[in-house]
Amino acid sequence: MALTKPTQELWHDLKQAADLLKWSGVDLFKVATKLSEYGSGRRFSGAHENCGEHSGG
């Protein structure tokens, strides 16, 4: 059974939102890594760990 046009559009929009969230997580992980390297590691280590958990790393 084929998807209706509104359902296809919703699926496409949800897929785009999921992709944006994924890449935002990747960006956050990179920032947390850089902050950790610059000596703010203790303060931001929790953010770094959280990003790793959610990115599958």
Protein backbone atom coordinates (compact mmCIF):
# COMPACT_ATOMS: atom_id res chain seq x y z
CA MET A 1 0.00 0.00 0.00
CA ALA A 2 1.46 3.31 -1.10
CA LEU A 3 1.79 6.23 1.27
CA THR A 4 -0.44 9.22 0.70
CA LYS A 5 1.21 12.49 -0.25
CA PRO A 6 0.71 14.10 3.20
CA THR A 7 2.17 10.99 4.84
CA GLN A 8 5.15 11.05 2.48
CA GLU A 9 5.74 14.72 3.26
CA LEU A 10 5.51 14.07 7.00
CA TRP A 11 7.96 11.16 6.71
CA HIS A 12 10.36 13.36 4.74
CA ASP A 13 10.09 16.19 7.29
CA LEU A 14 10.66 13.81 10.20
CA LYS A 15 13.68 12.29 8.45
CA GLN A 16 15.15 15.77 7.93
CA ALA A 17 14.58 16.63 11.60
CA ALA A 18 16.28 13.41 12.70
CA ASP A 19 19.26 14.12 10.44
CA LEU A 20 19.59 17.65 11.82
CA LEU A 21 19.51 16.33 15.38
CA LYS A 22 22.15 13.73 14.56
CA TRP A 23 24.54 16.28 13.04
CA SER A 24 23.89 18.70 15.90
CA GLY A 25 25.03 15.95 18.25
CA VAL A 26 28.17 15.46 16.17
CA ASP A 27 28.87 19.21 16.35
CA LEU A 28 28.34 19.22 20.12
CA PHE A 29 30.71 16.29 20.48
CA LYS A 30 33.40 18.17 18.53
CA VAL A 31 32.96 21.28 20.68
CA ALA A 32 33.10 19.24 23.89
CA THR A 33 36.28 17.56 22.66
CA LYS A 34 37.92 20.90 21.86
CA LEU A 35 36.91 22.35 25.21
CA SER A 36 38.35 19.32 26.94
CA GLU A 37 41.62 19.74 25.03
CA TYR A 38 41.84 23.42 26.04
CA GLY A 39 41.81 22.63 29.74
CA SER A 40 38.13 22.95 30.51
CA GLY A 41 37.83 19.19 30.60
CA ARG A 42 36.58 18.85 34.14
CA ARG A 43 33.74 21.27 33.57
CA PHE A 44 32.67 19.87 30.21
CA SER A 45 33.48 16.19 30.59
CA GLY A 46 29.83 15.42 31.34
CA ALA A 47 28.75 17.05 28.09
CA HIS A 48 31.39 15.07 26.23
CA GLU A 49 30.20 11.81 27.77
CA ASN A 50 26.56 12.61 27.00
CA CYS A 51 27.37 13.34 23.37
CA GLY A 52 29.24 10.04 23.10
CA GLU A 53 26.28 8.12 24.51
CA HIS A 54 23.82 9.63 22.07
CA SER A 55 26.02 9.43 19.00
CA GLY A 56 26.63 5.73 19.48
CA GLY A 57 30.30 6.30 20.33
